[in-house]
Amino acid sequence: MQQAVDELVTDGHGIGGLGACLAALSAERGQRSGQTLLGVWSTEYGMLNRVITLWEGEPAPSAQLEAPQDWLSLTRTSRRLRRLRPLKLGLLNAAMLELRMYAIAEGKAGTFTQAILEALPHREQYSPCAGIWHIRERGVDAVLHLWAYSNLDDRNAAREKAQANPEWASYRARIPSLLTTMQAWMLKPIVIT
């Protein structure tokens, strides 16, 4: 069975440019055939002035953009993600989501992917994971996961409880040698028309 593919697009905008960015997204939505818009978010903590969209389905070849070497660029990026398990669509509209991105040490992608997939049920006792993906970009493997929360306090409480879980703690102790960098973005849903 072939794994589903999604497209994660990051659009940067200047201060006060959110409205124009969303207007362009509304126009683009009508031009994408074969793809469904699953979610639209703005970044609330960390990476400001970004609109993040998640599209279900293969991006058109013309949509494939050269991704910058890091996630900090304000230029538009388009990333083709391979789902590691089915999406939990109902969670994509949570009041707050956390997108975590882990760059994996060379040759360790399989080991890390297996470890996180085995550990997720223990972590999900405290908050649900909406999606998890793999991407290989510029010779680097990365795993992205998206967590749903009602607010920042909910996130902090869930993470604190999870760290007390021996199974999750075991996973956390195993992964430092498997990763090179980690990033997290806090996302707030946006409704577009």
N, C-alpha and C. Protein backbone atom coordinates (compact mmCIF):
# COMPACT_ATOMS: atom_id res chain seq x y z
N MET A 1 0.84 -1.19 0.00
CA MET A 1 0.00 0.00 0.00
C MET A 1 0.89 1.25 0.00
N GLN A 2 0.60 2.16 -0.90
CA GLN A 2 1.38 3.39 -1.01
C GLN A 2 0.94 4.37 0.08
N GLN A 3 1.93 5.04 0.69
CA GLN A 3 1.62 5.99 1.74
C GLN A 3 1.13 7.30 1.14
N ALA A 4 0.21 7.94 1.88
CA ALA A 4 -0.35 9.20 1.43
C ALA A 4 0.73 10.29 1.46
N VAL A 5 0.56 11.27 0.58
CA VAL A 5 1.49 12.39 0.49
C VAL A 5 0.72 13.67 0.76
N ASP A 6 1.31 14.54 1.55
CA ASP A 6 0.74 15.85 1.82
C ASP A 6 1.77 16.90 1.45
N GLU A 7 1.32 18.12 1.34
CA GLU A 7 2.23 19.24 1.04
C GLU A 7 2.09 20.27 2.15
N LEU A 8 3.21 20.63 2.75
CA LEU A 8 3.26 21.67 3.77
C LEU A 8 3.87 22.91 3.13
N VAL A 9 3.11 24.00 3.11
CA VAL A 9 3.59 25.24 2.49
C VAL A 9 3.71 26.30 3.58
N THR A 10 4.84 26.97 3.59
CA THR A 10 5.09 28.06 4.52
C THR A 10 5.24 29.34 3.71
N ASP A 11 4.40 30.33 4.01
CA ASP A 11 4.47 31.64 3.37
C ASP A 11 4.85 32.68 4.41
N GLY A 12 5.93 33.40 4.17
CA GLY A 12 6.30 34.49 5.04
C GLY A 12 5.65 35.78 4.57
N HIS A 13 5.38 36.67 5.50
CA HIS A 13 4.82 37.98 5.14
C HIS A 13 5.38 39.03 6.08
N GLY A 14 5.39 40.25 5.63
CA GLY A 14 5.88 41.34 6.46
C GLY A 14 4.86 41.74 7.51
N ILE A 15 5.27 42.60 8.40
CA ILE A 15 4.37 43.09 9.43
C ILE A 15 3.18 43.75 8.77
N GLY A 16 1.98 43.35 9.18
CA GLY A 16 0.75 43.88 8.60
C GLY A 16 0.36 43.21 7.29
N GLY A 17 1.09 42.19 6.87
CA GLY A 17 0.84 41.56 5.58
C GLY A 17 -0.02 40.30 5.63
N LEU A 18 -0.59 39.97 6.78
CA LEU A 18 -1.38 38.75 6.89
C LEU A 18 -2.59 38.76 5.95
N GLY A 19 -3.29 39.87 5.87
CA GLY A 19 -4.48 39.96 5.02
C GLY A 19 -4.16 39.67 3.56
N ALA A 20 -3.10 40.27 3.05
CA ALA A 20 -2.70 40.04 1.65
C ALA A 20 -2.29 38.59 1.44
N CYS A 21 -1.61 38.02 2.41
CA CYS A 21 -1.19 36.62 2.31
C CYS A 21 -2.41 35.70 2.24
N LEU A 22 -3.43 35.97 3.06
CA LEU A 22 -4.63 35.15 3.06
C LEU A 22 -5.45 35.34 1.79
N ALA A 23 -5.47 36.55 1.25
CA ALA A 23 -6.17 36.80 -0.01
C ALA A 23 -5.52 36.00 -1.14
N ALA A 24 -4.20 35.98 -1.16
CA ALA A 24 -3.50 35.19 -2.18
C ALA A 24 -3.78 33.71 -2.00
N LEU A 25 -3.87 33.26 -0.77
CA LEU A 25 -4.18 31.85 -0.50
C LEU A 25 -5.58 31.49 -0.98
N SER A 26 -6.54 32.38 -0.76
CA SER A 26 -7.91 32.14 -1.24
C SER A 26 -7.93 31.96 -2.75
N ALA A 27 -7.18 32.81 -3.47
CA ALA A 27 -7.12 32.70 -4.92
C ALA A 27 -6.43 31.40 -5.33
N GLU A 28 -5.37 31.05 -4.63
CA GLU A 28 -4.62 29.83 -4.95
C GLU A 28 -5.46 28.58 -4.73
N ARG A 29 -6.30 28.62 -3.72
CA ARG A 29 -7.15 27.46 -3.38
C ARG A 29 -7.98 27.00 -4.57
N GLY A 30 -8.50 27.94 -5.33
CA GLY A 30 -9.31 27.59 -6.49
C GLY A 30 -8.50 27.06 -7.66
N GLN A 31 -7.19 27.26 -7.65
CA GLN A 31 -6.34 26.84 -8.76
C GLN A 31 -5.70 25.48 -8.54
N ARG A 32 -5.78 24.94 -7.35
CA ARG A 32 -5.14 23.66 -7.05
C ARG A 32 -6.14 22.53 -7.31
N SER A 33 -5.92 21.81 -8.37
CA SER A 33 -6.80 20.67 -8.65
C SER A 33 -6.14 19.42 -8.09
N GLY A 34 -6.95 18.54 -7.54
CA GLY A 34 -6.44 17.30 -6.99
C GLY A 34 -5.88 17.42 -5.59
N GLN A 35 -5.96 18.60 -4.99
CA GLN A 35 -5.48 18.78 -3.63
C GLN A 35 -6.59 19.39 -2.77
N THR A 36 -6.65 18.98 -1.53
CA THR A 36 -7.62 19.49 -0.58
C THR A 36 -6.88 20.26 0.50
N LEU A 37 -7.36 21.45 0.81
CA LEU A 37 -6.77 22.26 1.88
C LEU A 37 -7.24 21.68 3.21
N LEU A 38 -6.32 21.17 4.01
CA LEU A 38 -6.65 20.54 5.29
C LEU A 38 -6.59 21.52 6.46
N GLY A 39 -5.71 22.52 6.37
CA GLY A 39 -5.59 23.45 7.48
C GLY A 39 -4.78 24.67 7.10
N VAL A 40 -5.10 25.77 7.77
CA VAL A 40 -4.37 27.04 7.59
C VAL A 40 -4.10 27.58 8.98
N TRP A 41 -2.83 27.94 9.24
CA TRP A 41 -2.46 28.43 10.56
C TRP A 41 -1.52 29.61 10.43
N SER A 42 -1.51 30.43 11.47
CA SER A 42 -0.48 31.46 11.60
C SER A 42 0.41 31.05 12.76
N THR A 43 1.64 31.51 12.75
CA THR A 43 2.56 31.18 13.83
C THR A 43 2.39 32.20 14.95
N GLU A 44 2.25 31.70 16.15
CA GLU A 44 2.00 32.55 17.30
C GLU A 44 3.22 32.71 18.20
N TYR A 45 4.08 31.71 18.24
CA TYR A 45 5.26 31.76 19.08
C TYR A 45 6.44 31.34 18.24
N GLY A 46 7.56 32.01 18.40
CA GLY A 46 8.75 31.62 17.66
C GLY A 46 8.76 32.23 16.28
N MET A 47 8.33 31.49 15.29
CA MET A 47 8.38 31.90 13.89
C MET A 47 7.21 32.82 13.56
N LEU A 48 7.37 34.11 13.75
CA LEU A 48 6.29 35.04 13.49
C LEU A 48 6.20 35.36 12.00
N ASN A 49 5.07 35.95 11.62
CA ASN A 49 4.83 36.40 10.24
C ASN A 49 4.89 35.25 9.24
N ARG A 50 4.26 34.14 9.60
CA ARG A 50 4.18 32.99 8.70
C ARG A 50 2.74 32.52 8.62
N VAL A 51 2.36 32.05 7.45
CA VAL A 51 1.11 31.32 7.26
C VAL A 51 1.51 29.93 6.80
N ILE A 52 1.02 28.94 7.51
CA ILE A 52 1.33 27.54 7.22
C ILE A 52 0.07 26.89 6.67
N THR A 53 0.17 26.22 5.54
CA THR A 53 -0.97 25.49 4.99
C THR A 53 -0.58 24.03 4.80
N LEU A 54 -1.55 23.16 5.01
CA LEU A 54 -1.38 21.73 4.80
C LEU A 54 -2.38 21.29 3.75
N TRP A 55 -1.86 20.76 2.65
CA TRP A 55 -2.67 20.30 1.53
C TRP A 55 -2.58 18.78 1.43
N GLU A 56 -3.70 18.14 1.21
CA GLU A 56 -3.70 16.70 1.01
C GLU A 56 -3.56 16.41 -0.48
N GLY A 57 -2.68 15.50 -0.81
CA GLY A 57 -2.50 15.12 -2.20
C GLY A 57 -1.18 15.60 -2.77
N GLU A 58 -0.82 15.00 -3.88
CA GLU A 58 0.45 15.34 -4.55
C GLU A 58 0.42 16.77 -5.07
N PRO A 59 1.44 17.56 -4.78
CA PRO A 59 1.53 18.90 -5.36
C PRO A 59 1.79 18.80 -6.87
N ALA A 60 1.28 19.78 -7.58
CA ALA A 60 1.55 19.83 -9.02
C ALA A 60 3.04 20.08 -9.22
N PRO A 61 3.63 19.55 -10.29
CA PRO A 61 5.06 19.78 -10.52
C PRO A 61 5.43 21.25 -10.50
N SER A 62 4.55 22.12 -10.98
CA SER A 62 4.86 23.55 -10.99
C SER A 62 4.88 24.14 -9.58
N ALA A 63 4.26 23.43 -8.61
CA ALA A 63 4.24 23.92 -7.24
C ALA A 63 5.50 23.55 -6.48
N GLN A 64 6.31 22.67 -7.04
CA GLN A 64 7.53 22.26 -6.36
C GLN A 64 8.50 23.43 -6.35
N LEU A 65 8.81 23.90 -5.18
CA LEU A 65 9.71 25.03 -5.03
C LEU A 65 11.00 24.55 -4.39
N GLU A 66 12.07 25.22 -4.71
CA GLU A 66 13.34 24.91 -4.07
C GLU A 66 13.24 25.36 -2.62
N ALA A 67 13.41 24.44 -1.71
CA ALA A 67 13.32 24.77 -0.29
C ALA A 67 14.66 25.31 0.20
N PRO A 68 14.63 26.35 1.01
CA PRO A 68 15.88 26.86 1.56
C PRO A 68 16.48 25.83 2.52
N GLN A 69 17.72 26.01 2.88
CA GLN A 69 18.39 25.04 3.74
C GLN A 69 17.84 25.04 5.16
N ASP A 70 17.19 26.09 5.58
CA ASP A 70 16.64 26.08 6.92
C ASP A 70 15.19 26.54 6.89
N TRP A 71 14.52 26.37 8.00
CA TRP A 71 13.11 26.69 8.10
C TRP A 71 12.89 28.15 8.50
N LEU A 72 13.95 28.95 8.56
CA LEU A 72 13.83 30.32 9.02
C LEU A 72 13.52 31.31 7.90
N SER A 73 13.65 30.90 6.69
CA SER A 73 13.49 31.80 5.56
C SER A 73 12.06 32.34 5.47
N LEU A 74 11.95 33.61 5.07
CA LEU A 74 10.63 34.20 4.83
C LEU A 74 10.10 33.86 3.44
N THR A 75 10.94 33.28 2.59
CA THR A 75 10.47 32.93 1.25
C THR A 75 9.52 31.74 1.35
N ARG A 76 8.71 31.58 0.34
CA ARG A 76 7.76 30.48 0.31
C ARG A 76 8.50 29.17 0.16
N THR A 77 8.08 28.21 0.96
CA THR A 77 8.63 26.87 0.84
C THR A 77 7.49 25.89 0.64
N SER A 78 7.76 24.86 -0.10
CA SER A 78 6.79 23.79 -0.34
C SER A 78 7.51 22.48 -0.07
N ARG A 79 6.95 21.71 0.84
CA ARG A 79 7.59 20.45 1.21
C ARG A 79 6.61 19.30 1.00
N ARG A 80 7.11 18.25 0.37
CA ARG A 80 6.33 17.04 0.10
C ARG A 80 6.57 16.08 1.25
N LEU A 81 5.52 15.82 2.02
CA LEU A 81 5.61 15.01 3.22
C LEU A 81 4.97 13.64 2.97
N ARG A 82 5.59 12.59 3.49
CA ARG A 82 5.04 11.24 3.40
C ARG A 82 4.47 10.90 4.78
N ARG A 83 3.17 10.61 4.82
CA ARG A 83 2.52 10.28 6.08
C ARG A 83 3.07 8.98 6.65
N LEU A 84 3.30 8.98 7.95
CA LEU A 84 3.73 7.77 8.63
C LEU A 84 2.57 7.03 9.27
N ARG A 85 1.44 7.71 9.40
CA ARG A 85 0.19 7.09 9.86
C ARG A 85 -0.96 8.02 9.44
N PRO A 86 -2.19 7.53 9.46
CA PRO A 86 -3.31 8.38 9.02
C PRO A 86 -3.45 9.64 9.86
N LEU A 87 -3.90 10.71 9.18
CA LEU A 87 -4.16 11.97 9.87
C LEU A 87 -5.40 11.84 10.73
N LYS A 88 -5.43 12.59 11.81
CA LYS A 88 -6.62 12.73 12.64
C LYS A 88 -7.20 14.11 12.30
N LEU A 89 -8.03 14.12 11.25
CA LEU A 89 -8.50 15.38 10.66
C LEU A 89 -9.23 16.27 11.66
N GLY A 90 -9.98 15.70 12.58
CA GLY A 90 -10.73 16.50 13.55
C GLY A 90 -9.84 17.34 14.45
N LEU A 91 -8.58 16.95 14.57
CA LEU A 91 -7.66 17.69 15.45
C LEU A 91 -7.02 18.90 14.77
N LEU A 92 -7.14 18.99 13.44
CA LEU A 92 -6.47 20.07 12.72
C LEU A 92 -7.07 21.44 13.03
N ASN A 93 -8.25 21.47 13.63
CA ASN A 93 -8.89 22.74 14.00
C ASN A 93 -8.78 23.03 15.49
N ALA A 94 -7.89 22.34 16.19
CA ALA A 94 -7.70 22.60 17.62
C ALA A 94 -7.33 24.07 17.82
N ALA A 95 -7.59 24.59 19.00
CA ALA A 95 -7.32 26.01 19.29
C ALA A 95 -5.85 26.35 19.14
N MET A 96 -4.97 25.37 19.39
CA MET A 96 -3.54 25.58 19.24
C MET A 96 -2.90 24.26 18.81
N LEU A 97 -1.98 24.34 17.88
CA LEU A 97 -1.23 23.16 17.46
C LEU A 97 0.25 23.45 17.59
N GLU A 98 1.00 22.40 17.83
CA GLU A 98 2.46 22.52 17.88
C GLU A 98 3.03 21.63 16.79
N LEU A 99 3.76 22.24 15.87
CA LEU A 99 4.44 21.51 14.81
C LEU A 99 5.89 21.34 15.23
N ARG A 100 6.29 20.09 15.44
CA ARG A 100 7.66 19.78 15.85
C ARG A 100 8.38 19.16 14.67
N MET A 101 9.62 19.61 14.44
CA MET A 101 10.42 19.15 13.30
C MET A 101 11.76 18.67 13.82
N TYR A 102 12.07 17.41 13.56
CA TYR A 102 13.31 16.81 14.04
C TYR A 102 14.16 16.41 12.85
N ALA A 103 15.35 16.99 12.74
CA ALA A 103 16.32 16.56 11.73
C ALA A 103 17.07 15.36 12.31
N ILE A 104 17.17 14.30 11.51
CA ILE A 104 17.69 13.03 12.00
C ILE A 104 19.14 12.86 11.55
N ALA A 105 19.95 12.32 12.44
CA ALA A 105 21.36 12.07 12.13
C ALA A 105 21.46 11.10 10.96
N GLU A 106 22.50 11.28 10.17
CA GLU A 106 22.68 10.46 8.96
C GLU A 106 22.68 8.97 9.32
N GLY A 107 21.90 8.23 8.55
CA GLY A 107 21.82 6.79 8.73
C GLY A 107 20.92 6.33 9.86
N LYS A 108 20.25 7.26 10.54
CA LYS A 108 19.44 6.92 11.71
C LYS A 108 17.94 7.09 11.48
N ALA A 109 17.51 7.37 10.24
CA ALA A 109 16.09 7.65 9.98
C ALA A 109 15.20 6.48 10.36
N GLY A 110 15.57 5.28 9.96
CA GLY A 110 14.74 4.11 10.26
C GLY A 110 14.65 3.86 11.76
N THR A 111 15.76 3.98 12.45
CA THR A 111 15.79 3.76 13.90
C THR A 111 14.92 4.78 14.62
N PHE A 112 15.06 6.06 14.22
CA PHE A 112 14.27 7.10 14.88
C PHE A 112 12.78 6.93 14.57
N THR A 113 12.45 6.69 13.31
CA THR A 113 11.04 6.55 12.93
C THR A 113 10.39 5.41 13.71
N GLN A 114 11.06 4.28 13.80
CA GLN A 114 10.52 3.16 14.55
C GLN A 114 10.34 3.53 16.03
N ALA A 115 11.33 4.23 16.59
CA ALA A 115 11.26 4.61 18.00
C ALA A 115 10.08 5.54 18.28
N ILE A 116 9.88 6.54 17.44
CA ILE A 116 8.80 7.48 17.73
C ILE A 116 7.43 6.84 17.50
N LEU A 117 7.31 6.02 16.47
CA LEU A 117 6.01 5.37 16.24
C LEU A 117 5.66 4.42 17.38
N GLU A 118 6.65 3.75 17.95
CA GLU A 118 6.40 2.86 19.09
C GLU A 118 6.07 3.66 20.35
N ALA A 119 6.66 4.83 20.50
CA ALA A 119 6.47 5.63 21.71
C ALA A 119 5.20 6.50 21.67
N LEU A 120 4.68 6.79 20.49
CA LEU A 120 3.53 7.71 20.39
C LEU A 120 2.34 7.30 21.24
N PRO A 121 1.95 6.02 21.31
CA PRO A 121 0.79 5.69 22.15
C PRO A 121 0.98 6.10 23.62
N HIS A 122 2.21 6.05 24.10
CA HIS A 122 2.47 6.45 25.48
C HIS A 122 2.35 7.97 25.63
N ARG A 123 2.79 8.72 24.63
CA ARG A 123 2.70 10.18 24.68
C ARG A 123 1.26 10.64 24.48
N GLU A 124 0.52 9.92 23.64
CA GLU A 124 -0.86 10.33 23.34
C GLU A 124 -1.83 10.09 24.49
N GLN A 125 -1.37 9.51 25.57
CA GLN A 125 -2.20 9.41 26.77
C GLN A 125 -2.47 10.80 27.34
N TYR A 126 -1.66 11.78 26.95
CA TYR A 126 -1.73 13.12 27.55
C TYR A 126 -2.18 14.19 26.57
N SER A 127 -1.96 13.99 25.30
CA SER A 127 -2.47 14.90 24.26
C SER A 127 -2.38 14.16 22.92
N PRO A 128 -3.30 14.47 22.00
CA PRO A 128 -3.33 13.73 20.74
C PRO A 128 -2.37 14.28 19.68
N CYS A 129 -1.82 13.37 18.91
CA CYS A 129 -0.98 13.71 17.77
C CYS A 129 -1.87 13.70 16.52
N ALA A 130 -1.98 14.84 15.86
CA ALA A 130 -2.84 14.95 14.68
C ALA A 130 -2.22 14.31 13.45
N GLY A 131 -0.90 14.34 13.34
CA GLY A 131 -0.24 13.77 12.17
C GLY A 131 1.25 13.63 12.40
N ILE A 132 1.82 12.71 11.65
CA ILE A 132 3.27 12.51 11.70
C ILE A 132 3.74 12.16 10.29
N TRP A 133 4.84 12.82 9.86
CA TRP A 133 5.32 12.69 8.49
C TRP A 133 6.83 12.51 8.46
N HIS A 134 7.30 12.02 7.32
CA HIS A 134 8.73 11.93 7.04
C HIS A 134 9.00 12.76 5.78
N ILE A 135 10.16 13.38 5.76
CA ILE A 135 10.60 14.11 4.56
C ILE A 135 12.11 13.90 4.45
N ARG A 136 12.57 13.81 3.21
CA ARG A 136 14.01 13.81 2.95
C ARG A 136 14.27 15.00 2.05
N GLU A 137 15.11 15.93 2.54
CA GLU A 137 15.33 17.19 1.84
C GLU A 137 16.81 17.53 1.91
N ARG A 138 17.40 17.76 0.75
CA ARG A 138 18.83 18.12 0.67
C ARG A 138 19.70 17.11 1.41
N GLY A 139 19.34 15.83 1.28
CA GLY A 139 20.12 14.77 1.88
C GLY A 139 19.91 14.58 3.38
N VAL A 140 18.94 15.29 3.96
CA VAL A 140 18.67 15.18 5.39
C VAL A 140 17.27 14.63 5.58
N ASP A 141 17.16 13.62 6.46
CA ASP A 141 15.85 13.09 6.83
C ASP A 141 15.30 13.90 7.99
N ALA A 142 13.99 14.11 7.98
CA ALA A 142 13.33 14.80 9.09
C ALA A 142 11.99 14.14 9.35
N VAL A 143 11.57 14.18 10.59
CA VAL A 143 10.24 13.73 10.97
C VAL A 143 9.52 14.94 11.57
N LEU A 144 8.29 15.16 11.13
CA LEU A 144 7.46 16.24 11.63
C LEU A 144 6.26 15.62 12.33
N HIS A 145 5.87 16.19 13.45
CA HIS A 145 4.66 15.74 14.10
C HIS A 145 3.88 16.95 14.59
N LEU A 146 2.56 16.81 14.57
CA LEU A 146 1.64 17.91 14.85
C LEU A 146 0.75 17.52 16.03
N TRP A 147 0.83 18.30 17.10
CA TRP A 147 0.11 18.01 18.34
C TRP A 147 -1.00 19.03 18.56
N ALA A 148 -2.15 18.56 19.04
CA ALA A 148 -3.31 19.42 19.27
C ALA A 148 -3.47 19.74 20.76
N TYR A 149 -3.76 21.01 21.03
CA TYR A 149 -3.96 21.48 22.41
C TYR A 149 -5.07 22.51 22.44
N SER A 150 -5.63 22.73 23.64
CA SER A 150 -6.64 23.78 23.77
C SER A 150 -5.98 25.14 24.06
N ASN A 151 -4.78 25.12 24.66
CA ASN A 151 -4.06 26.35 24.95
C ASN A 151 -2.64 26.00 25.41
N LEU A 152 -1.85 27.01 25.69
CA LEU A 152 -0.47 26.79 26.09
C LEU A 152 -0.36 26.08 27.45
N ASP A 153 -1.25 26.39 28.36
CA ASP A 153 -1.24 25.70 29.66
C ASP A 153 -1.52 24.21 29.48
N ASP A 154 -2.46 23.88 28.60
CA ASP A 154 -2.78 22.48 28.29
C ASP A 154 -1.54 21.78 27.74
N ARG A 155 -0.82 22.44 26.86
CA ARG A 155 0.40 21.87 26.29
C ARG A 155 1.43 21.60 27.39
N ASN A 156 1.67 22.60 28.21
CA ASN A 156 2.68 22.45 29.26
C ASN A 156 2.33 21.34 30.24
N ALA A 157 1.06 21.24 30.61
CA ALA A 157 0.63 20.19 31.54
C ALA A 157 0.78 18.80 30.89
N ALA A 158 0.42 18.68 29.62
CA ALA A 158 0.54 17.39 28.93
C ALA A 158 2.00 16.97 28.83
N ARG A 159 2.86 17.89 28.50
CA ARG A 159 4.29 17.56 28.39
C ARG A 159 4.88 17.16 29.74
N GLU A 160 4.46 17.84 30.80
CA GLU A 160 4.95 17.50 32.14
C GLU A 160 4.50 16.10 32.54
N LYS A 161 3.24 15.79 32.30
CA LYS A 161 2.72 14.45 32.64
C LYS A 161 3.42 13.38 31.81
N ALA A 162 3.63 13.65 30.52
CA ALA A 162 4.27 12.66 29.65
C ALA A 162 5.69 12.37 30.12
N GLN A 163 6.39 13.37 30.57
CA GLN A 163 7.77 13.17 31.00
C GLN A 163 7.86 12.27 32.23
N ALA A 164 6.76 12.17 32.98
CA ALA A 164 6.73 11.27 34.13
C ALA A 164 6.38 9.84 33.74
N ASN A 165 5.97 9.62 32.50
CA ASN A 165 5.64 8.28 32.01
C ASN A 165 6.93 7.53 31.69
N PRO A 166 7.18 6.38 32.32
CA PRO A 166 8.45 5.67 32.11
C PRO A 166 8.70 5.27 30.65
N GLU A 167 7.66 4.90 29.92
CA GLU A 167 7.84 4.51 28.52
C GLU A 167 8.26 5.70 27.67
N TRP A 168 7.64 6.85 27.90
CA TRP A 168 8.00 8.06 27.15
C TRP A 168 9.40 8.54 27.57
N ALA A 169 9.69 8.44 28.85
CA ALA A 169 11.02 8.83 29.34
C ALA A 169 12.10 7.95 28.71
N SER A 170 11.82 6.67 28.53
CA SER A 170 12.77 5.76 27.90
C SER A 170 13.03 6.19 26.45
N TYR A 171 11.97 6.52 25.74
CA TYR A 171 12.10 7.01 24.36
C TYR A 171 12.96 8.27 24.34
N ARG A 172 12.65 9.22 25.21
CA ARG A 172 13.39 10.49 25.24
C ARG A 172 14.86 10.28 25.54
N ALA A 173 15.17 9.29 26.35
CA ALA A 173 16.58 9.00 26.68
C ALA A 173 17.32 8.39 25.49
N ARG A 174 16.59 7.70 24.60
CA ARG A 174 17.22 7.03 23.45
C ARG A 174 17.48 7.96 22.28
N ILE A 175 16.73 9.05 22.14
CA ILE A 175 16.76 9.80 20.88
C ILE A 175 17.85 10.85 20.70
N PRO A 176 18.48 11.39 21.74
CA PRO A 176 19.45 12.46 21.48
C PRO A 176 20.53 12.08 20.45
N SER A 177 21.02 10.86 20.47
CA SER A 177 22.06 10.47 19.51
C SER A 177 21.51 10.26 18.11
N LEU A 178 20.18 10.23 17.97
CA LEU A 178 19.56 10.01 16.66
C LEU A 178 19.22 11.32 15.95
N LEU A 179 19.29 12.45 16.66
CA LEU A 179 18.85 13.73 16.12
C LEU A 179 20.00 14.72 16.01
N THR A 180 19.87 15.65 15.06
CA THR A 180 20.86 16.73 14.95
C THR A 180 20.27 18.06 15.40
N THR A 181 19.01 18.34 15.06
CA THR A 181 18.36 19.58 15.50
C THR A 181 16.87 19.33 15.68
N MET A 182 16.26 20.21 16.46
CA MET A 182 14.82 20.17 16.68
C MET A 182 14.29 21.59 16.62
N GLN A 183 13.07 21.74 16.09
CA GLN A 183 12.39 23.03 16.09
C GLN A 183 10.93 22.78 16.43
N ALA A 184 10.27 23.79 16.96
CA ALA A 184 8.84 23.71 17.23
C ALA A 184 8.21 25.04 16.91
N TRP A 185 7.05 24.98 16.26
CA TRP A 185 6.26 26.18 15.97
C TRP A 185 4.90 26.00 16.62
N MET A 186 4.41 27.05 17.26
CA MET A 186 3.05 27.06 17.79
C MET A 186 2.15 27.68 16.75
N LEU A 187 1.09 26.97 16.39
CA LEU A 187 0.22 27.39 15.30
C LEU A 187 -1.19 27.68 15.80
N LYS A 188 -1.76 28.75 15.28
CA LYS A 188 -3.13 29.16 15.59
C LYS A 188 -3.96 29.03 14.30
N PRO A 189 -5.10 28.31 14.36
CA PRO A 189 -5.90 28.13 13.13
C PRO A 189 -6.44 29.45 12.59
N ILE A 190 -6.54 29.51 11.28
CA ILE A 190 -7.14 30.64 10.57
C ILE A 190 -8.23 30.09 9.67
N VAL A 191 -9.36 30.72 9.63
CA VAL A 191 -10.43 30.34 8.72
C VAL A 191 -10.37 31.27 7.53
N ILE A 192 -10.30 30.68 6.32
CA ILE A 192 -10.32 31.51 5.12
C ILE A 192 -11.59 31.20 4.34
N THR A 193 -12.00 32.17 3.55
CA THR A 193 -13.22 31.96 2.76
C THR A 193 -12.89 31.88 1.30
